[in-house]
PDB file of all heavy atoms in Angstrom:
ATOM      1  N   SER A   1       0.839  -1.196   0.000  1.00  0.00           N
ATOM      2  CA  SER A   1       0.000   0.000   0.000  1.00  0.00           C
ATOM      3  C   SER A   1       0.874   1.245   0.000  1.00  0.00           C
ATOM      4  O   SER A   1       2.092   1.163   0.154  1.00  0.00           O
ATOM      5  CB  SER A   1      -0.901   0.000   1.238  1.00  0.00           C
ATOM      6  OG  SER A   1      -0.100   0.148   2.412  1.00  0.00           O
ATOM      7  N   LEU A   2       0.240   2.423  -0.143  1.00  0.00           N
ATOM      8  CA  LEU A   2       1.001   3.676  -0.128  1.00  0.00           C
ATOM      9  C   LEU A   2       1.771   3.853   1.166  1.00  0.00           C
ATOM     10  O   LEU A   2       2.944   4.234   1.166  1.00  0.00           O
ATOM     11  CB  LEU A   2       0.042   4.861  -0.337  1.00  0.00           C
ATOM     12  CG  LEU A   2      -0.431   5.121  -1.767  1.00  0.00           C
ATOM     13  CD1 LEU A   2      -1.530   6.176  -1.770  1.00  0.00           C
ATOM     14  CD2 LEU A   2       0.725   5.565  -2.645  1.00  0.00           C
ATOM     15  N   THR A   3       1.128   3.587   2.304  1.00  0.00           N
ATOM     16  CA  THR A   3       1.809   3.764   3.591  1.00  0.00           C
ATOM     17  C   THR A   3       2.920   2.742   3.774  1.00  0.00           C
ATOM     18  O   THR A   3       3.980   3.061   4.332  1.00  0.00           O
ATOM     19  CB  THR A   3       0.795   3.641   4.745  1.00  0.00           C
ATOM     20  OG1 THR A   3       0.052   2.417   4.599  1.00  0.00           O
ATOM     21  CG2 THR A   3      -0.164   4.819   4.746  1.00  0.00           C
ATOM     22  N   GLN A   4       2.727   1.513   3.300  1.00  0.00           N
ATOM     23  CA  GLN A   4       3.778   0.497   3.395  1.00  0.00           C
ATOM     24  C   GLN A   4       4.973   0.865   2.519  1.00  0.00           C
ATOM     25  O   GLN A   4       6.134   0.672   2.922  1.00  0.00           O
ATOM     26  CB  GLN A   4       3.220  -0.867   2.983  1.00  0.00           C
ATOM     27  CG  GLN A   4       2.273  -1.484   3.999  1.00  0.00           C
ATOM     28  CD  GLN A   4       1.612  -2.749   3.471  1.00  0.00           C
ATOM     29  OE1 GLN A   4       1.322  -2.875   2.277  1.00  0.00           O
ATOM     30  NE2 GLN A   4       1.356  -3.692   4.374  1.00  0.00           N
ATOM     31  N   LEU A   5       4.685   1.393   1.332  1.00  0.00           N
ATOM     32  CA  LEU A   5       5.779   1.857   0.462  1.00  0.00           C
ATOM     33  C   LEU A   5       6.566   2.973   1.133  1.00  0.00           C
ATOM     34  O   LEU A   5       7.804   2.980   1.126  1.00  0.00           O
ATOM     35  CB  LEU A   5       5.216   2.366  -0.868  1.00  0.00           C
ATOM     36  CG  LEU A   5       4.936   1.331  -1.951  1.00  0.00           C
ATOM     37  CD1 LEU A   5       4.172   1.964  -3.100  1.00  0.00           C
ATOM     38  CD2 LEU A   5       6.235   0.724  -2.457  1.00  0.00           C
ATOM     39  N   GLY A   6       5.857   3.944   1.744  1.00  0.00           N
ATOM     40  CA  GLY A   6       6.531   5.062   2.423  1.00  0.00           C
ATOM     41  C   GLY A   6       7.415   4.588   3.554  1.00  0.00           C
ATOM     42  O   GLY A   6       8.553   5.052   3.715  1.00  0.00           O
ATOM     43  N   THR A   7       6.916   3.629   4.339  1.00  0.00           N
ATOM     44  CA  THR A   7       7.701   3.096   5.462  1.00  0.00           C
ATOM     45  C   THR A   7       8.946   2.373   4.954  1.00  0.00           C
ATOM     46  O   THR A   7      10.047   2.534   5.505  1.00  0.00           O
ATOM     47  CB  THR A   7       6.836   2.126   6.286  1.00  0.00           C
ATOM     48  OG1 THR A   7       5.680   2.818   6.753  1.00  0.00           O
ATOM     49  CG2 THR A   7       7.628   1.588   7.471  1.00  0.00           C
ATOM     50  N   ALA A   8       8.777   1.579   3.886  1.00  0.00           N
ATOM     51  CA  ALA A   8       9.914   0.826   3.336  1.00  0.00           C
ATOM     52  C   ALA A   8      10.989   1.756   2.792  1.00  0.00           C
ATOM     53  O   ALA A   8      12.193   1.543   3.011  1.00  0.00           O
ATOM     54  CB  ALA A   8       9.424  -0.113   2.239  1.00  0.00           C
ATOM     55  N   VAL A   9      10.573   2.817   2.089  1.00  0.00           N
ATOM     56  CA  VAL A   9      11.541   3.766   1.512  1.00  0.00           C
ATOM     57  C   VAL A   9      12.327   4.466   2.619  1.00  0.00           C
ATOM     58  O   VAL A   9      13.558   4.597   2.545  1.00  0.00           O
ATOM     59  CB  VAL A   9      10.823   4.797   0.619  1.00  0.00           C
ATOM     60  CG1 VAL A   9      11.787   5.916   0.227  1.00  0.00           C
ATOM     61  CG2 VAL A   9      10.264   4.138  -0.619  1.00  0.00           C
ATOM     62  N   LYS A  10      11.626   4.939   3.657  1.00  0.00           N
ATOM     63  CA  LYS A  10      12.312   5.632   4.758  1.00  0.00           C
ATOM     64  C   LYS A  10      13.312   4.720   5.445  1.00  0.00           C
ATOM     65  O   LYS A  10      14.436   5.130   5.778  1.00  0.00           O
ATOM     66  CB  LYS A  10      11.281   6.139   5.770  1.00  0.00           C
ATOM     67  CG  LYS A  10      10.486   7.344   5.299  1.00  0.00           C
ATOM     68  CD  LYS A  10       9.429   7.733   6.306  1.00  0.00           C
ATOM     69  CE  LYS A  10       8.524   8.849   5.790  1.00  0.00           C
ATOM     70  NZ  LYS A  10       7.397   9.130   6.695  1.00  0.00           N
ATOM     71  N   ASP A  11      12.921   3.465   5.673  1.00  0.00           N
ATOM     72  CA  ASP A  11      13.807   2.515   6.353  1.00  0.00           C
ATOM     73  C   ASP A  11      15.059   2.233   5.520  1.00  0.00           C
ATOM     74  O   ASP A  11      16.191   2.340   6.018  1.00  0.00           O
ATOM     75  CB  ASP A  11      13.046   1.210   6.620  1.00  0.00           C
ATOM     76  CG  ASP A  11      13.966   0.129   7.194  1.00  0.00           C
ATOM     77  OD1 ASP A  11      14.607   0.397   8.225  1.00  0.00           O
ATOM     78  OD2 ASP A  11      14.028  -0.958   6.599  1.00  0.00           O
ATOM     79  N   LEU A  12      14.867   1.910   4.246  1.00  0.00           N
ATOM     80  CA  LEU A  12      16.010   1.570   3.388  1.00  0.00           C
ATOM     81  C   LEU A  12      16.916   2.783   3.152  1.00  0.00           C
ATOM     82  O   LEU A  12      18.147   2.664   3.205  1.00  0.00           O
ATOM     83  CB  LEU A  12      15.509   1.031   2.052  1.00  0.00           C
ATOM     84  CG  LEU A  12      14.887  -0.372   2.087  1.00  0.00           C
ATOM     85  CD1 LEU A  12      14.211  -0.694   0.764  1.00  0.00           C
ATOM     86  CD2 LEU A  12      15.932  -1.423   2.410  1.00  0.00           C
ATOM     87  N   ALA A  13      16.317   3.949   2.908  1.00  0.00           N
ATOM     88  CA  ALA A  13      17.123   5.156   2.665  1.00  0.00           C
ATOM     89  C   ALA A  13      17.916   5.541   3.906  1.00  0.00           C
ATOM     90  O   ALA A  13      19.095   5.922   3.820  1.00  0.00           O
ATOM     91  CB  ALA A  13      16.221   6.314   2.241  1.00  0.00           C
ATOM     92  N   GLY A  14      17.302   5.426   5.070  1.00  0.00           N
ATOM     93  CA  GLY A  14      18.001   5.755   6.320  1.00  0.00           C
ATOM     94  C   GLY A  14      19.180   4.844   6.558  1.00  0.00           C
ATOM     95  O   GLY A  14      20.279   5.293   6.922  1.00  0.00           O
ATOM     96  N   ARG A  15      18.974   3.528   6.351  1.00  0.00           N
ATOM     97  CA  ARG A  15      20.080   2.593   6.571  1.00  0.00           C
ATOM     98  C   ARG A  15      21.155   2.715   5.489  1.00  0.00           C
ATOM     99  O   ARG A  15      22.327   2.454   5.747  1.00  0.00           O
ATOM    100  CB  ARG A  15      19.546   1.165   6.639  1.00  0.00           C
ATOM    101  CG  ARG A  15      18.798   0.922   7.956  1.00  0.00           C
ATOM    102  CD  ARG A  15      18.512  -0.539   8.239  1.00  0.00           C
ATOM    103  NE  ARG A  15      17.440  -1.034   7.372  1.00  0.00           N
ATOM    104  CZ  ARG A  15      17.582  -2.003   6.492  1.00  0.00           C
ATOM    105  NH1 ARG A  15      18.753  -2.583   6.326  1.00  0.00           N
ATOM    106  NH2 ARG A  15      16.565  -2.413   5.752  1.00  0.00           N
ATOM    107  N   ALA A  16      20.765   3.133   4.282  1.00  0.00           N
ATOM    108  CA  ALA A  16      21.764   3.358   3.227  1.00  0.00           C
ATOM    109  C   ALA A  16      22.667   4.528   3.589  1.00  0.00           C
ATOM    110  O   ALA A  16      23.891   4.463   3.412  1.00  0.00           O
ATOM    111  CB  ALA A  16      21.061   3.635   1.896  1.00  0.00           C
ATOM    112  N   ARG A  17      22.097   5.596   4.150  1.00  0.00           N
ATOM    113  CA  ARG A  17      22.901   6.776   4.511  1.00  0.00           C
ATOM    114  C   ARG A  17      23.782   6.507   5.725  1.00  0.00           C
ATOM    115  O   ARG A  17      24.844   7.107   5.869  1.00  0.00           O
ATOM    116  CB  ARG A  17      21.980   7.969   4.771  1.00  0.00           C
ATOM    117  CG  ARG A  17      21.247   8.455   3.517  1.00  0.00           C
ATOM    118  CD  ARG A  17      20.518   9.766   3.745  1.00  0.00           C
ATOM    119  NE  ARG A  17      19.826  10.198   2.539  1.00  0.00           N
ATOM    120  CZ  ARG A  17      18.526  10.060   2.314  1.00  0.00           C
ATOM    121  NH1 ARG A  17      17.754   9.504   3.247  1.00  0.00           N
ATOM    122  NH2 ARG A  17      17.982  10.466   1.177  1.00  0.00           N
ATOM    123  N   SER A  18      23.339   5.607   6.609  1.00  0.00           N
ATOM    124  CA  SER A  18      24.152   5.278   7.792  1.00  0.00           C
ATOM    125  C   SER A  18      25.038   4.060   7.558  1.00  0.00           C
ATOM    126  O   SER A  18      25.655   3.550   8.487  1.00  0.00           O
ATOM    127  CB  SER A  18      23.231   5.020   8.999  1.00  0.00           C
ATOM    128  OG  SER A  18      22.378   3.905   8.758  1.00  0.00           O
ATOM    129  N   LYS A  19      25.084   3.578   6.291  1.00  0.00           N
ATOM    130  CA  LYS A  19      25.941   2.453   5.887  1.00  0.00           C
ATOM    131  C   LYS A  19      25.594   1.156   6.605  1.00  0.00           C
ATOM    132  O   LYS A  19      26.455   0.322   6.846  1.00  0.00           O
ATOM    133  CB  LYS A  19      27.424   2.792   6.122  1.00  0.00           C
ATOM    134  CG  LYS A  19      27.903   4.010   5.367  1.00  0.00           C
ATOM    135  CD  LYS A  19      29.364   4.295   5.628  1.00  0.00           C
ATOM    136  CE  LYS A  19      29.833   5.522   4.882  1.00  0.00           C
ATOM    137  NZ  LYS A  19      31.252   5.829   5.139  1.00  0.00           N
ATOM    138  N   LYS A  20      24.339   0.992   6.946  1.00  0.00           N
ATOM    139  CA  LYS A  20      23.901  -0.224   7.623  1.00  0.00           C
ATOM    140  C   LYS A  20      23.082  -1.133   6.704  1.00  0.00           C
ATOM    141  O   LYS A  20      22.571  -2.161   7.148  1.00  0.00           O
ATOM    142  CB  LYS A  20      23.054   0.130   8.858  1.00  0.00           C
ATOM    143  CG  LYS A  20      23.804   0.933   9.919  1.00  0.00           C
ATOM    144  CD  LYS A  20      24.984   0.169  10.473  1.00  0.00           C
ATOM    145  CE  LYS A  20      25.689   0.962  11.575  1.00  0.00           C
ATOM    146  NZ  LYS A  20      26.895   0.260  12.071  1.00  0.00           N
ATOM    147  N   ILE A  21      22.921  -0.748   5.451  1.00  0.00           N
ATOM    148  CA  ILE A  21      22.108  -1.529   4.528  1.00  0.00           C
ATOM    149  C   ILE A  21      22.884  -2.763   4.065  1.00  0.00           C
ATOM    150  O   ILE A  21      24.109  -2.738   3.936  1.00  0.00           O
ATOM    151  CB  ILE A  21      21.682  -0.665   3.317  1.00  0.00           C
ATOM    152  CG1 ILE A  21      20.558  -1.338   2.545  1.00  0.00           C
ATOM    153  CG2 ILE A  21      22.862  -0.340   2.425  1.00  0.00           C
ATOM    154  CD1 ILE A  21      19.872  -0.420   1.555  1.00  0.00           C
ATOM    155  N   LYS A  22      22.172  -3.853   3.822  1.00  0.00           N
ATOM    156  CA  LYS A  22      22.800  -5.109   3.405  1.00  0.00           C
ATOM    157  C   LYS A  22      22.886  -5.171   1.885  1.00  0.00           C
ATOM    158  O   LYS A  22      22.039  -4.616   1.186  1.00  0.00           O
ATOM    159  CB  LYS A  22      21.988  -6.289   3.924  1.00  0.00           C
ATOM    160  CG  LYS A  22      21.889  -6.354   5.438  1.00  0.00           C
ATOM    161  CD  LYS A  22      20.953  -7.470   5.865  1.00  0.00           C
ATOM    162  CE  LYS A  22      20.754  -7.490   7.389  1.00  0.00           C
ATOM    163  NZ  LYS A  22      19.765  -8.511   7.799  1.00  0.00           N
ATOM    164  N   PRO A  23      23.883  -5.889   1.358  1.00  0.00           N
ATOM    165  CA  PRO A  23      24.021  -5.967  -0.109  1.00  0.00           C
ATOM    166  C   PRO A  23      22.794  -6.535  -0.803  1.00  0.00           C
ATOM    167  O   PRO A  23      22.414  -6.069  -1.880  1.00  0.00           O
ATOM    168  CB  PRO A  23      25.233  -6.893  -0.292  1.00  0.00           C
ATOM    169  CG  PRO A  23      26.017  -6.748   0.957  1.00  0.00           C
ATOM    170  CD  PRO A  23      25.018  -6.523   2.044  1.00  0.00           C
ATOM    171  N   ASP A  24      22.140  -7.558  -0.189  1.00  0.00           N
ATOM    172  CA  ASP A  24      20.990  -8.164  -0.861  1.00  0.00           C
ATOM    173  C   ASP A  24      19.784  -7.226  -0.898  1.00  0.00           C
ATOM    174  O   ASP A  24      18.808  -7.487  -1.608  1.00  0.00           O
ATOM    175  CB  ASP A  24      20.610  -9.495  -0.216  1.00  0.00           C
ATOM    176  CG  ASP A  24      20.226  -9.349   1.260  1.00  0.00           C
ATOM    177  OD1 ASP A  24      20.329  -8.222   1.787  1.00  0.00           O
ATOM    178  OD2 ASP A  24      19.829 -10.352   1.873  1.00  0.00           O
ATOM    179  N   GLU A  25      19.827  -6.115  -0.127  1.00  0.00           N
ATOM    180  CA  GLU A  25      18.755  -5.132  -0.160  1.00  0.00           C
ATOM    181  C   GLU A  25      18.958  -4.103  -1.269  1.00  0.00           C
ATOM    182  O   GLU A  25      18.164  -3.186  -1.426  1.00  0.00           O
ATOM    183  CB  GLU A  25      18.643  -4.421   1.187  1.00  0.00           C
ATOM    184  CG  GLU A  25      18.181  -5.350   2.311  1.00  0.00           C
ATOM    185  CD  GLU A  25      18.187  -4.668   3.663  1.00  0.00           C
ATOM    186  OE1 GLU A  25      19.185  -3.981   3.989  1.00  0.00           O
ATOM    187  OE2 GLU A  25      17.195  -4.825   4.393  1.00  0.00           O
ATOM    188  N   MET A  26      20.063  -4.251  -2.019  1.00  0.00           N
ATOM    189  CA  MET A  26      20.337  -3.352  -3.137  1.00  0.00           C
ATOM    190  C   MET A  26      20.479  -4.129  -4.437  1.00  0.00           C
ATOM    191  O   MET A  26      21.082  -3.652  -5.390  1.00  0.00           O
ATOM    192  CB  MET A  26      21.611  -2.541  -2.855  1.00  0.00           C
ATOM    193  CG  MET A  26      21.484  -1.606  -1.667  1.00  0.00           C
ATOM    194  SD  MET A  26      22.924  -0.561  -1.428  1.00  0.00           S
ATOM    195  CE  MET A  26      24.073  -1.748  -0.740  1.00  0.00           C
ATOM    196  N   GLU A  27      19.917  -5.326  -4.484  1.00  0.00           N
ATOM    197  CA  GLU A  27      20.033  -6.171  -5.663  1.00  0.00           C
ATOM    198  C   GLU A  27      18.658  -6.582  -6.166  1.00  0.00           C
ATOM    199  O   GLU A  27      17.691  -6.658  -5.393  1.00  0.00           O
ATOM    200  CB  GLU A  27      20.836  -7.436  -5.327  1.00  0.00           C
ATOM    201  CG  GLU A  27      22.265  -7.154  -4.912  1.00  0.00           C
ATOM    202  CD  GLU A  27      22.961  -8.386  -4.332  1.00  0.00           C
ATOM    203  OE1 GLU A  27      22.295  -9.443  -4.239  1.00  0.00           O
ATOM    204  OE2 GLU A  27      24.133  -8.279  -3.956  1.00  0.00           O
TER     205      GLU A  27
END
């Protein structure tokens, strides 16, 4: 849903900027 998409984007973008994102989350 729209709200689920918004939550997912914020979570992934935040962890990408703090270098905590996993490689399989960018593939």
